[in-house]
Amino acid sequence: MSSSMLSAVPSAVDDGVMSTSHPRAGGPHRRTFTPQQKLAHLEAYEQARDQNEGGAYLRREGLYSSLITEWRRLRDAGVLEGKSAGQSVGRPSKDQAEIARLRRELETTQQRLGRTEAALEIMGKARALLEDISESADTETKRKRR
């Protein structure tokens, strides 16, 4: 390159001050949530998810699914409950983690029990219906024989 071309290129000078053109300079700051806000977001997300709108809720609120997963883990461990704003949450203890695991297992077992009870109720009704159909078929056969 010639010296006249080099003078046309602006030189970068490090003056120790962050330029406002830097992506993080003056940009959005990392959001923080209180334990109550986390619980409120979890409840709202789970309601939206029940209506197949979970992804839309996350996009609208600017949240990531990994946050929801982490907050759910903390909630299930009982770490979020009873905490005031500004109080550190921390990681669950071994006992809290075990309690959370057992709560999840209990919830899963209760769901399976509910499905099993519903299936048994349906089978009982189907059996009663088949018996009624069988009895009505027997009485019609007896009438025709006369």
C-alpha atoms as a PDB file:
ATOM      1  CA  MET A   1       0.000   0.000   0.000  1.00  0.00           C
ATOM      2  CA  SER A   2       1.164   3.479  -0.631  1.00  0.00           C
ATOM      3  CA  SER A   3       1.586   6.011   2.153  1.00  0.00           C
ATOM      4  CA  SER A   4      -1.298   8.076   0.800  1.00  0.00           C
ATOM      5  CA  MET A   5      -3.648   5.072   1.110  1.00  0.00           C
ATOM      6  CA  LEU A   6      -2.525   4.367   4.686  1.00  0.00           C
ATOM      7  CA  SER A   7      -3.344   7.878   5.776  1.00  0.00           C
ATOM      8  CA  ALA A   8      -6.929   7.433   4.538  1.00  0.00           C
ATOM      9  CA  VAL A   9      -7.489   4.466   6.904  1.00  0.00           C
ATOM     10  CA  PRO A  10      -8.394   5.670  10.390  1.00  0.00           C
ATOM     11  CA  SER A  11      -6.083   4.308  13.045  1.00  0.00           C
ATOM     12  CA  ALA A  12      -7.421   2.699  16.188  1.00  0.00           C
ATOM     13  CA  VAL A  13      -6.257   4.437  19.303  1.00  0.00           C
ATOM     14  CA  ASP A  14      -6.578   2.705  22.691  1.00  0.00           C
ATOM     15  CA  ASP A  15      -7.381   5.477  25.111  1.00  0.00           C
ATOM     16  CA  GLY A  16      -8.669   3.055  27.798  1.00  0.00           C
ATOM     17  CA  VAL A  17     -12.289   4.191  27.408  1.00  0.00           C
ATOM     18  CA  MET A  18     -14.882   1.808  26.053  1.00  0.00           C
ATOM     19  CA  SER A  19     -16.396   3.090  22.852  1.00  0.00           C
ATOM     20  CA  THR A  20     -20.175   3.387  22.690  1.00  0.00           C
ATOM     21  CA  SER A  21     -20.025   1.385  19.486  1.00  0.00           C
ATOM     22  CA  HIS A  22     -19.117  -1.693  21.546  1.00  0.00           C
ATOM     23  CA  PRO A  23     -22.054  -4.140  21.642  1.00  0.00           C
ATOM     24  CA  ARG A  24     -22.267  -4.151  25.449  1.00  0.00           C
ATOM     25  CA  ALA A  25     -21.645  -0.464  26.079  1.00  0.00           C
ATOM     26  CA  GLY A  26     -24.815   1.188  27.327  1.00  0.00           C
ATOM     27  CA  GLY A  27     -26.826  -1.780  26.157  1.00  0.00           C
ATOM     28  CA  PRO A  28     -29.319  -3.845  28.093  1.00  0.00           C
ATOM     29  CA  HIS A  29     -28.233  -5.105  31.471  1.00  0.00           C
ATOM     30  CA  ARG A  30     -28.760  -8.604  32.765  1.00  0.00           C
ATOM     31  CA  ARG A  31     -32.168  -8.877  34.383  1.00  0.00           C
ATOM     32  CA  THR A  32     -32.598 -10.215  37.878  1.00  0.00           C
ATOM     33  CA  PHE A  33     -35.741 -11.704  39.362  1.00  0.00           C
ATOM     34  CA  THR A  34     -36.914 -11.911  42.947  1.00  0.00           C
ATOM     35  CA  PRO A  35     -38.056 -15.302  44.246  1.00  0.00           C
ATOM     36  CA  GLN A  36     -41.682 -14.087  44.069  1.00  0.00           C
ATOM     37  CA  GLN A  37     -41.222 -13.064  40.431  1.00  0.00           C
ATOM     38  CA  LYS A  38     -39.690 -16.438  39.631  1.00  0.00           C
ATOM     39  CA  LEU A  39     -42.645 -18.234  41.223  1.00  0.00           C
ATOM     40  CA  ALA A  40     -45.096 -15.977  39.362  1.00  0.00           C
ATOM     41  CA  HIS A  41     -43.344 -16.651  36.033  1.00  0.00           C
ATOM     42  CA  LEU A  42     -43.372 -20.397  36.733  1.00  0.00           C
ATOM     43  CA  GLU A  43     -47.103 -20.366  37.463  1.00  0.00           C
ATOM     44  CA  ALA A  44     -47.898 -18.255  34.391  1.00  0.00           C
ATOM     45  CA  TYR A  45     -45.677 -20.424  32.181  1.00  0.00           C
ATOM     46  CA  GLU A  46     -47.279 -23.651  33.397  1.00  0.00           C
ATOM     47  CA  GLN A  47     -50.757 -22.240  32.743  1.00  0.00           C
ATOM     48  CA  ALA A  48     -49.674 -21.161  29.249  1.00  0.00           C
ATOM     49  CA  ARG A  49     -48.079 -24.567  28.654  1.00  0.00           C
ATOM     50  CA  ASP A  50     -51.339 -26.306  29.571  1.00  0.00           C
ATOM     51  CA  GLN A  51     -52.929 -24.358  26.704  1.00  0.00           C
ATOM     52  CA  ASN A  52     -50.004 -25.177  24.350  1.00  0.00           C
ATOM     53  CA  GLU A  53     -48.807 -21.557  24.577  1.00  0.00           C
ATOM     54  CA  GLY A  54     -45.628 -22.089  26.618  1.00  0.00           C
ATOM     55  CA  GLY A  55     -43.253 -21.037  23.853  1.00  0.00           C
ATOM     56  CA  ALA A  56     -45.283 -17.919  23.146  1.00  0.00           C
ATOM     57  CA  TYR A  57     -45.143 -16.978  26.829  1.00  0.00           C
ATOM     58  CA  LEU A  58     -41.356 -17.381  26.897  1.00  0.00           C
ATOM     59  CA  ARG A  59     -40.946 -15.218  23.776  1.00  0.00           C
ATOM     60  CA  ARG A  60     -43.320 -12.546  25.088  1.00  0.00           C
ATOM     61  CA  GLU A  61     -41.503 -12.340  28.431  1.00  0.00           C
ATOM     62  CA  GLY A  62     -38.021 -12.675  26.923  1.00  0.00           C
ATOM     63  CA  LEU A  63     -37.218 -15.783  28.978  1.00  0.00           C
ATOM     64  CA  TYR A  64     -35.304 -18.939  28.127  1.00  0.00           C
ATOM     65  CA  SER A  65     -36.582 -22.435  28.811  1.00  0.00           C
ATOM     66  CA  SER A  66     -33.384 -23.138  30.744  1.00  0.00           C
ATOM     67  CA  LEU A  67     -34.409 -20.440  33.262  1.00  0.00           C
ATOM     68  CA  ILE A  68     -37.777 -22.103  33.721  1.00  0.00           C
ATOM     69  CA  THR A  69     -36.071 -25.470  34.239  1.00  0.00           C
ATOM     70  CA  GLU A  70     -33.718 -24.011  36.856  1.00  0.00           C
ATOM     71  CA  TRP A  71     -36.496 -22.112  38.642  1.00  0.00           C
ATOM     72  CA  ARG A  72     -38.693 -25.225  38.684  1.00  0.00           C
ATOM     73  CA  ARG A  73     -35.842 -27.195  40.251  1.00  0.00           C
ATOM     74  CA  LEU A  74     -35.368 -24.528  42.901  1.00  0.00           C
ATOM     75  CA  ARG A  75     -39.117 -24.314  43.553  1.00  0.00           C
ATOM     76  CA  ASP A  76     -39.456 -28.080  43.878  1.00  0.00           C
ATOM     77  CA  ALA A  77     -36.555 -28.097  46.318  1.00  0.00           C
ATOM     78  CA  GLY A  78     -38.365 -25.483  48.417  1.00  0.00           C
ATOM     79  CA  VAL A  79     -35.573 -22.949  47.990  1.00  0.00           C
ATOM     80  CA  LEU A  80     -37.728 -20.152  46.517  1.00  0.00           C
ATOM     81  CA  GLU A  81     -40.530 -20.212  49.058  1.00  0.00           C
ATOM     82  CA  GLY A  82     -40.332 -17.798  51.950  1.00  0.00           C
ATOM     83  CA  LYS A  83     -37.491 -15.779  50.437  1.00  0.00           C
ATOM     84  CA  SER A  84     -37.769 -12.009  50.318  1.00  0.00           C
ATOM     85  CA  ALA A  85     -36.473  -9.761  47.554  1.00  0.00           C
ATOM     86  CA  GLY A  86     -32.713  -9.445  47.642  1.00  0.00           C
ATOM     87  CA  GLN A  87     -32.237 -12.551  49.769  1.00  0.00           C
ATOM     88  CA  SER A  88     -29.851 -14.980  48.124  1.00  0.00           C
ATOM     89  CA  VAL A  89     -31.330 -18.203  46.872  1.00  0.00           C
ATOM     90  CA  GLY A  90     -28.300 -20.457  46.497  1.00  0.00           C
ATOM     91  CA  ARG A  91     -28.237 -24.101  45.599  1.00  0.00           C
ATOM     92  CA  PRO A  92     -30.491 -26.628  47.292  1.00  0.00           C
ATOM     93  CA  SER A  93     -28.976 -28.771  50.000  1.00  0.00           C
ATOM     94  CA  LYS A  94     -28.834 -32.559  49.620  1.00  0.00           C
ATOM     95  CA  ASP A  95     -31.974 -32.880  51.747  1.00  0.00           C
ATOM     96  CA  GLN A  96     -33.822 -30.268  49.679  1.00  0.00           C
ATOM     97  CA  ALA A  97     -32.772 -31.977  46.453  1.00  0.00           C
ATOM     98  CA  GLU A  98     -34.013 -35.327  47.787  1.00  0.00           C
ATOM     99  CA  ILE A  99     -37.322 -33.768  48.832  1.00  0.00           C
ATOM    100  CA  ALA A 100     -37.693 -32.261  45.350  1.00  0.00           C
ATOM    101  CA  ARG A 101     -36.948 -35.628  43.729  1.00  0.00           C
ATOM    102  CA  LEU A 102     -39.503 -37.358  45.948  1.00  0.00           C
ATOM    103  CA  ARG A 103     -42.122 -34.680  45.198  1.00  0.00           C
ATOM    104  CA  ARG A 104     -41.622 -35.170  41.451  1.00  0.00           C
ATOM    105  CA  GLU A 105     -41.861 -38.940  41.898  1.00  0.00           C
ATOM    106  CA  LEU A 106     -45.048 -38.555  43.962  1.00  0.00           C
ATOM    107  CA  GLU A 107     -46.586 -36.291  41.323  1.00  0.00           C
ATOM    108  CA  THR A 108     -45.753 -38.786  38.567  1.00  0.00           C
ATOM    109  CA  THR A 109     -47.161 -41.669  40.612  1.00  0.00           C
ATOM    110  CA  GLN A 110     -50.359 -39.749  41.355  1.00  0.00           C
ATOM    111  CA  GLN A 111     -50.822 -39.013  37.647  1.00  0.00           C
ATOM    112  CA  ARG A 112     -50.366 -42.703  36.804  1.00  0.00           C
ATOM    113  CA  LEU A 113     -52.820 -43.661  39.544  1.00  0.00           C
ATOM    114  CA  GLY A 114     -55.381 -41.204  38.169  1.00  0.00           C
ATOM    115  CA  ARG A 115     -55.059 -42.668  34.675  1.00  0.00           C
ATOM    116  CA  THR A 116     -55.342 -46.214  36.038  1.00  0.00           C
ATOM    117  CA  GLU A 117     -58.460 -45.361  38.048  1.00  0.00           C
ATOM    118  CA  ALA A 118     -60.050 -43.734  34.991  1.00  0.00           C
ATOM    119  CA  ALA A 119     -59.235 -46.788  32.871  1.00  0.00           C
ATOM    120  CA  LEU A 120     -60.748 -49.130  35.473  1.00  0.00           C
ATOM    121  CA  GLU A 121     -63.894 -47.012  35.640  1.00  0.00           C
ATOM    122  CA  ILE A 122     -64.225 -47.125  31.851  1.00  0.00           C
ATOM    123  CA  MET A 123     -63.685 -50.894  31.838  1.00  0.00           C
ATOM    124  CA  GLY A 124     -66.374 -51.318  34.503  1.00  0.00           C
ATOM    125  CA  LYS A 125     -68.854 -49.272  32.474  1.00  0.00           C
ATOM    126  CA  ALA A 126     -67.985 -51.214  29.307  1.00  0.00           C
ATOM    127  CA  ARG A 127     -68.547 -54.499  31.151  1.00  0.00           C
ATOM    128  CA  ALA A 128     -71.934 -53.306  32.424  1.00  0.00           C
ATOM    129  CA  LEU A 129     -72.909 -52.184  28.933  1.00  0.00           C
ATOM    130  CA  LEU A 130     -71.903 -55.545  27.435  1.00  0.00           C
ATOM    131  CA  GLU A 131     -73.942 -57.367  30.093  1.00  0.00           C
ATOM    132  CA  ASP A 132     -76.981 -55.217  29.275  1.00  0.00           C
ATOM    133  CA  ILE A 133     -76.560 -55.905  25.563  1.00  0.00           C
ATOM    134  CA  SER A 134     -76.174 -59.619  26.251  1.00  0.00           C
ATOM    135  CA  GLU A 135     -79.307 -59.709  28.435  1.00  0.00           C
ATOM    136  CA  SER A 136     -81.372 -57.820  25.856  1.00  0.00           C
ATOM    137  CA  ALA A 137     -80.163 -60.202  23.139  1.00  0.00           C
ATOM    138  CA  ASP A 138     -81.173 -63.205  25.294  1.00  0.00           C
ATOM    139  CA  THR A 139     -84.700 -61.836  25.866  1.00  0.00           C
ATOM    140  CA  GLU A 140     -85.153 -61.137  22.129  1.00  0.00           C
ATOM    141  CA  THR A 141     -84.052 -64.695  21.303  1.00  0.00           C
ATOM    142  CA  LYS A 142     -86.592 -66.128  23.785  1.00  0.00           C
ATOM    143  CA  ARG A 143     -89.406 -63.995  22.271  1.00  0.00           C
ATOM    144  CA  LYS A 144     -88.640 -65.247  18.756  1.00  0.00           C
ATOM    145  CA  ARG A 145     -88.743 -68.913  19.860  1.00  0.00           C
ATOM    146  CA  ARG A 146     -92.317 -68.661  21.130  1.00  0.00           C
END
